[in-house]
């Protein structure tokens, strides 16, 4: 009787751990949400007349993140999207601090 109770408790524990891991796993929807947030940050920078910063200037802005998402590596893709979002705050600061000197845009 005691063995049966322990087996049932262990099985319930493993089932709980397994479902918790599945609930915490990132999905394509999570990546799309992170990408939309990063895109909003990019648009906010561009509205001020500044250029968005990219981690890889010669490739598409979300190119690497999209490749990771297609492979199913959503956590890494979300990290890349969040990194791109963080770069935009830095871009805004750096562009605002630049001094055009005697040359002004018209």
N, C-alpha and C. Protein backbone atom coordinates (compact mmCIF):
# COMPACT_ATOMS: atom_id res chain seq x y z
N UNK A 1 0.81 -1.18 0.00
CA UNK A 1 0.00 0.00 0.00
C UNK A 1 0.87 1.26 0.00
N UNK A 2 1.90 1.26 0.82
CA UNK A 2 2.77 2.42 0.90
C UNK A 2 3.53 2.58 -0.41
N UNK A 3 3.98 1.44 -1.00
CA UNK A 3 4.69 1.51 -2.28
C UNK A 3 3.80 2.12 -3.36
N UNK A 4 2.56 1.73 -3.38
CA UNK A 4 1.62 2.24 -4.38
C UNK A 4 1.43 3.74 -4.22
N UNK A 5 1.32 4.19 -2.99
CA UNK A 5 1.13 5.62 -2.73
C UNK A 5 2.35 6.41 -3.19
N UNK A 6 3.55 5.86 -2.97
CA UNK A 6 4.77 6.53 -3.40
C UNK A 6 4.87 6.58 -4.92
N UNK A 7 4.50 5.49 -5.57
CA UNK A 7 4.54 5.45 -7.03
C UNK A 7 3.56 6.47 -7.61
N UNK A 8 2.37 6.52 -7.04
CA UNK A 8 1.36 7.48 -7.52
C UNK A 8 1.84 8.91 -7.29
N UNK A 9 2.44 9.17 -6.13
CA UNK A 9 2.94 10.51 -5.83
C UNK A 9 4.08 10.89 -6.77
N UNK A 10 4.97 9.93 -7.03
CA UNK A 10 6.08 10.20 -7.95
C UNK A 10 5.57 10.46 -9.36
N UNK A 11 4.60 9.68 -9.81
CA UNK A 11 4.04 9.88 -11.15
C UNK A 11 3.36 11.24 -11.25
N UNK A 12 2.66 11.62 -10.21
CA UNK A 12 2.00 12.94 -10.21
C UNK A 12 3.04 14.06 -10.24
N UNK A 13 4.12 13.87 -9.50
CA UNK A 13 5.20 14.87 -9.49
C UNK A 13 5.85 15.02 -10.85
N UNK A 14 6.13 13.89 -11.50
CA UNK A 14 6.74 13.95 -12.83
C UNK A 14 5.79 14.58 -13.84
N UNK A 15 4.51 14.28 -13.72
CA UNK A 15 3.53 14.87 -14.63
C UNK A 15 3.46 16.38 -14.43
N UNK A 16 3.52 16.82 -13.20
CA UNK A 16 3.48 18.25 -12.90
C UNK A 16 4.72 18.95 -13.46
N UNK A 17 5.88 18.35 -13.26
CA UNK A 17 7.12 18.93 -13.78
C UNK A 17 7.08 18.98 -15.30
N UNK A 18 6.60 17.93 -15.92
CA UNK A 18 6.53 17.88 -17.39
C UNK A 18 5.60 18.93 -17.96
N UNK A 19 4.45 19.12 -17.36
CA UNK A 19 3.51 20.13 -17.87
C UNK A 19 4.01 21.53 -17.58
N UNK A 20 4.73 21.74 -16.49
CA UNK A 20 5.28 23.07 -16.19
C UNK A 20 6.32 23.44 -17.23
N UNK A 21 7.13 22.48 -17.65
CA UNK A 21 8.13 22.74 -18.68
C UNK A 21 7.48 23.08 -20.01
N UNK A 22 6.38 22.41 -20.32
CA UNK A 22 5.69 22.71 -21.58
C UNK A 22 5.04 24.08 -21.52
N UNK A 23 4.54 24.47 -20.37
CA UNK A 23 3.88 25.76 -20.25
C UNK A 23 4.88 26.90 -20.36
N UNK A 24 6.13 26.68 -19.95
CA UNK A 24 7.13 27.73 -19.98
C UNK A 24 7.87 27.81 -21.31
N UNK A 25 7.69 26.85 -22.17
CA UNK A 25 8.39 26.85 -23.45
C UNK A 25 7.87 27.98 -24.33
N UNK A 26 8.81 28.64 -25.00
CA UNK A 26 8.43 29.74 -25.90
C UNK A 26 7.83 29.17 -27.18
N UNK A 27 7.04 29.99 -27.83
CA UNK A 27 6.40 29.56 -29.07
C UNK A 27 6.58 30.64 -30.13
N UNK A 28 6.10 30.35 -31.31
CA UNK A 28 6.18 31.30 -32.41
C UNK A 28 5.40 32.57 -32.07
N UNK A 29 4.29 32.43 -31.35
CA UNK A 29 3.50 33.60 -30.97
C UNK A 29 4.30 34.51 -30.04
N UNK A 30 5.08 33.91 -29.12
CA UNK A 30 5.92 34.71 -28.23
C UNK A 30 6.97 35.47 -29.03
N UNK A 31 7.55 34.80 -30.02
CA UNK A 31 8.55 35.46 -30.86
C UNK A 31 7.91 36.60 -31.66
N UNK A 32 6.74 36.36 -32.22
CA UNK A 32 6.06 37.40 -32.99
C UNK A 32 5.76 38.61 -32.11
N UNK A 33 5.38 38.37 -30.86
CA UNK A 33 5.12 39.47 -29.92
C UNK A 33 6.39 40.27 -29.67
N UNK A 34 7.50 39.58 -29.40
CA UNK A 34 8.78 40.25 -29.16
C UNK A 34 9.22 41.02 -30.40
N UNK A 35 8.98 40.44 -31.56
CA UNK A 35 9.35 41.10 -32.82
C UNK A 35 8.51 42.36 -33.03
N UNK A 36 7.23 42.30 -32.70
CA UNK A 36 6.37 43.48 -32.84
C UNK A 36 6.81 44.59 -31.89
N UNK A 37 7.21 44.24 -30.69
CA UNK A 37 7.69 45.24 -29.74
C UNK A 37 8.97 45.89 -30.25
N UNK A 38 9.87 45.09 -30.81
CA UNK A 38 11.10 45.63 -31.37
C UNK A 38 10.80 46.52 -32.57
N UNK A 39 9.85 46.10 -33.40
CA UNK A 39 9.47 46.90 -34.57
C UNK A 39 8.89 48.24 -34.14
N UNK A 40 8.12 48.25 -33.05
CA UNK A 40 7.57 49.51 -32.53
C UNK A 40 8.69 50.44 -32.07
N UNK A 41 9.72 49.88 -31.43
CA UNK A 41 10.86 50.69 -31.00
C UNK A 41 11.61 51.25 -32.20
N UNK A 42 11.74 50.45 -33.26
CA UNK A 42 12.40 50.91 -34.48
C UNK A 42 11.63 52.06 -35.10
N UNK A 43 10.32 51.91 -35.18
CA UNK A 43 9.49 52.96 -35.77
C UNK A 43 9.55 54.24 -34.95
N UNK A 44 9.64 54.13 -33.63
CA UNK A 44 9.74 55.31 -32.77
C UNK A 44 11.04 56.07 -33.04
N UNK A 45 12.13 55.33 -33.25
CA UNK A 45 13.41 55.97 -33.56
C UNK A 45 13.36 56.63 -34.93
N UNK A 46 12.78 55.94 -35.90
CA UNK A 46 12.72 56.47 -37.26
C UNK A 46 11.80 57.68 -37.37
N UNK A 47 10.77 57.75 -36.52
CA UNK A 47 9.88 58.91 -36.52
C UNK A 47 10.61 60.18 -36.13
N UNK A 48 11.66 60.04 -35.34
CA UNK A 48 12.45 61.20 -34.91
C UNK A 48 13.49 61.58 -35.95
N UNK A 49 13.54 60.85 -37.04
CA UNK A 49 14.48 61.16 -38.11
C UNK A 49 15.82 60.46 -37.97
N UNK A 50 15.93 59.53 -37.06
CA UNK A 50 17.17 58.80 -36.86
C UNK A 50 17.08 57.44 -37.55
N UNK A 51 18.24 56.88 -37.81
CA UNK A 51 18.29 55.55 -38.41
C UNK A 51 18.30 54.49 -37.31
N UNK A 52 17.60 53.41 -37.55
CA UNK A 52 17.59 52.30 -36.59
C UNK A 52 18.93 51.59 -36.63
N UNK A 53 19.34 51.07 -35.48
CA UNK A 53 20.60 50.33 -35.42
C UNK A 53 20.33 48.85 -35.59
N UNK A 54 21.23 48.21 -36.30
CA UNK A 54 21.12 46.79 -36.57
C UNK A 54 22.38 46.08 -36.06
N UNK A 55 22.25 44.89 -35.49
CA UNK A 55 23.44 44.16 -35.06
C UNK A 55 24.30 43.71 -36.24
N UNK A 56 23.69 43.54 -37.40
CA UNK A 56 24.41 43.13 -38.61
C UNK A 56 23.96 44.04 -39.75
N UNK A 57 24.67 45.14 -39.99
CA UNK A 57 24.20 46.14 -40.95
C UNK A 57 24.00 45.64 -42.38
N UNK A 58 24.70 44.60 -42.78
CA UNK A 58 24.58 44.14 -44.17
C UNK A 58 23.53 43.05 -44.36
N UNK A 59 22.79 42.74 -43.32
CA UNK A 59 21.74 41.72 -43.44
C UNK A 59 20.42 42.32 -42.94
N UNK A 60 19.30 41.67 -43.24
CA UNK A 60 18.02 42.19 -42.76
C UNK A 60 18.02 42.30 -41.23
N UNK A 61 17.27 43.26 -40.74
CA UNK A 61 17.27 43.55 -39.30
C UNK A 61 16.91 42.33 -38.46
N UNK A 62 15.87 41.61 -38.84
CA UNK A 62 15.44 40.44 -38.09
C UNK A 62 15.86 39.14 -38.79
N UNK A 63 16.83 39.20 -39.67
CA UNK A 63 17.23 38.03 -40.44
C UNK A 63 17.67 36.86 -39.58
N UNK A 64 18.58 37.11 -38.65
CA UNK A 64 19.09 36.04 -37.80
C UNK A 64 18.00 35.51 -36.86
N UNK A 65 17.20 36.42 -36.32
CA UNK A 65 16.12 36.01 -35.41
C UNK A 65 15.08 35.17 -36.16
N UNK A 66 14.76 35.56 -37.38
CA UNK A 66 13.79 34.79 -38.17
C UNK A 66 14.32 33.39 -38.48
N UNK A 67 15.62 33.29 -38.77
CA UNK A 67 16.21 31.97 -39.04
C UNK A 67 16.11 31.07 -37.81
N UNK A 68 16.40 31.65 -36.64
CA UNK A 68 16.30 30.87 -35.41
C UNK A 68 14.87 30.43 -35.15
N UNK A 69 13.91 31.31 -35.42
CA UNK A 69 12.50 30.96 -35.21
C UNK A 69 12.07 29.85 -36.16
N UNK A 70 12.54 29.88 -37.39
CA UNK A 70 12.19 28.82 -38.35
C UNK A 70 12.75 27.47 -37.91
N UNK A 71 13.91 27.49 -37.23
CA UNK A 71 14.50 26.25 -36.73
C UNK A 71 13.78 25.75 -35.48
N UNK A 72 12.94 26.59 -34.89
CA UNK A 72 12.24 26.21 -33.67
C UNK A 72 12.95 26.65 -32.40
N UNK A 73 14.01 27.43 -32.54
CA UNK A 73 14.76 27.92 -31.38
C UNK A 73 14.17 29.27 -30.96
N UNK A 74 12.97 29.22 -30.40
CA UNK A 74 12.22 30.43 -30.11
C UNK A 74 12.84 31.27 -29.00
N UNK A 75 13.43 30.63 -27.99
CA UNK A 75 14.05 31.40 -26.90
C UNK A 75 15.17 32.27 -27.44
N UNK A 76 16.02 31.70 -28.30
CA UNK A 76 17.13 32.47 -28.87
C UNK A 76 16.60 33.56 -29.81
N UNK A 77 15.56 33.26 -30.55
CA UNK A 77 14.98 34.25 -31.45
C UNK A 77 14.39 35.42 -30.67
N UNK A 78 13.76 35.11 -29.55
CA UNK A 78 13.20 36.17 -28.69
C UNK A 78 14.32 37.02 -28.11
N UNK A 79 15.43 36.38 -27.71
CA UNK A 79 16.58 37.14 -27.20
C UNK A 79 17.11 38.09 -28.26
N UNK A 80 17.19 37.63 -29.50
CA UNK A 80 17.67 38.50 -30.59
C UNK A 80 16.73 39.67 -30.80
N UNK A 81 15.43 39.42 -30.78
CA UNK A 81 14.45 40.50 -30.96
C UNK A 81 14.54 41.51 -29.82
N UNK A 82 14.72 41.03 -28.60
CA UNK A 82 14.86 41.94 -27.46
C UNK A 82 16.16 42.74 -27.56
N UNK A 83 17.22 42.11 -28.07
CA UNK A 83 18.49 42.81 -28.26
C UNK A 83 18.33 43.93 -29.29
N UNK A 84 17.63 43.66 -30.37
CA UNK A 84 17.38 44.68 -31.39
C UNK A 84 16.58 45.82 -30.79
N UNK A 85 15.62 45.49 -29.95
CA UNK A 85 14.81 46.52 -29.28
C UNK A 85 15.70 47.39 -28.38
N UNK A 86 16.61 46.77 -27.64
CA UNK A 86 17.51 47.52 -26.76
C UNK A 86 18.45 48.41 -27.56
N UNK A 87 18.86 47.97 -28.72
CA UNK A 87 19.75 48.77 -29.56
C UNK A 87 19.10 50.09 -29.98
N UNK A 88 17.79 50.10 -30.11
CA UNK A 88 17.11 51.30 -30.59
C UNK A 88 17.19 52.44 -29.57
N UNK A 89 17.13 52.12 -28.28
CA UNK A 89 17.30 53.15 -27.25
C UNK A 89 18.70 53.73 -27.32
N UNK A 90 19.68 52.88 -27.55
CA UNK A 90 21.05 53.34 -27.70
C UNK A 90 21.20 54.18 -28.97
N UNK A 91 20.55 53.77 -30.03
CA UNK A 91 20.62 54.52 -31.29
C UNK A 91 20.06 55.91 -31.11
N UNK A 92 18.93 56.00 -30.46
CA UNK A 92 18.30 57.31 -30.24
C UNK A 92 19.23 58.22 -29.44
N UNK A 93 19.84 57.68 -28.40
CA UNK A 93 20.75 58.47 -27.57
C UNK A 93 21.96 58.92 -28.37
N UNK A 94 22.57 58.01 -29.11
CA UNK A 94 23.77 58.35 -29.87
C UNK A 94 23.49 59.36 -30.98
N UNK A 95 22.39 59.17 -31.70
CA UNK A 95 22.05 60.12 -32.76
C UNK A 95 21.75 61.49 -32.19
N UNK A 96 21.09 61.56 -31.03
CA UNK A 96 20.74 62.85 -30.43
C UNK A 96 21.98 63.59 -29.94
N UNK A 97 23.01 62.86 -29.53
CA UNK A 97 24.22 63.49 -29.02
C UNK A 97 25.15 63.99 -30.11
N UNK A 98 24.93 63.59 -31.34
CA UNK A 98 25.82 64.02 -32.41
C UNK A 98 25.64 65.51 -32.69
N UNK A 99 26.76 66.16 -32.94
CA UNK A 99 26.75 67.58 -33.26
C UNK A 99 27.00 67.73 -34.75
N UNK A 100 26.06 68.35 -35.43
CA UNK A 100 26.20 68.52 -36.88
C UNK A 100 27.21 69.60 -37.23
N UNK A 101 27.63 70.36 -36.26
CA UNK A 101 28.60 71.42 -36.52
C UNK A 101 27.97 72.53 -37.34
N UNK A 102 28.76 73.14 -38.21
CA UNK A 102 28.21 74.24 -39.01
C UNK A 102 27.27 73.75 -40.11
N UNK A 103 27.24 72.46 -40.34
CA UNK A 103 26.41 71.91 -41.41
C UNK A 103 25.06 71.49 -40.84
N UNK A 104 24.04 72.06 -41.34
CA UNK A 104 22.70 71.72 -40.86
C UNK A 104 21.89 71.15 -42.00
N UNK A 105 21.10 70.18 -41.67
CA UNK A 105 20.24 69.61 -42.72
C UNK A 105 19.07 70.54 -42.95
N UNK A 106 18.62 70.58 -44.16
CA UNK A 106 17.49 71.46 -44.47
C UNK A 106 16.31 70.69 -44.86
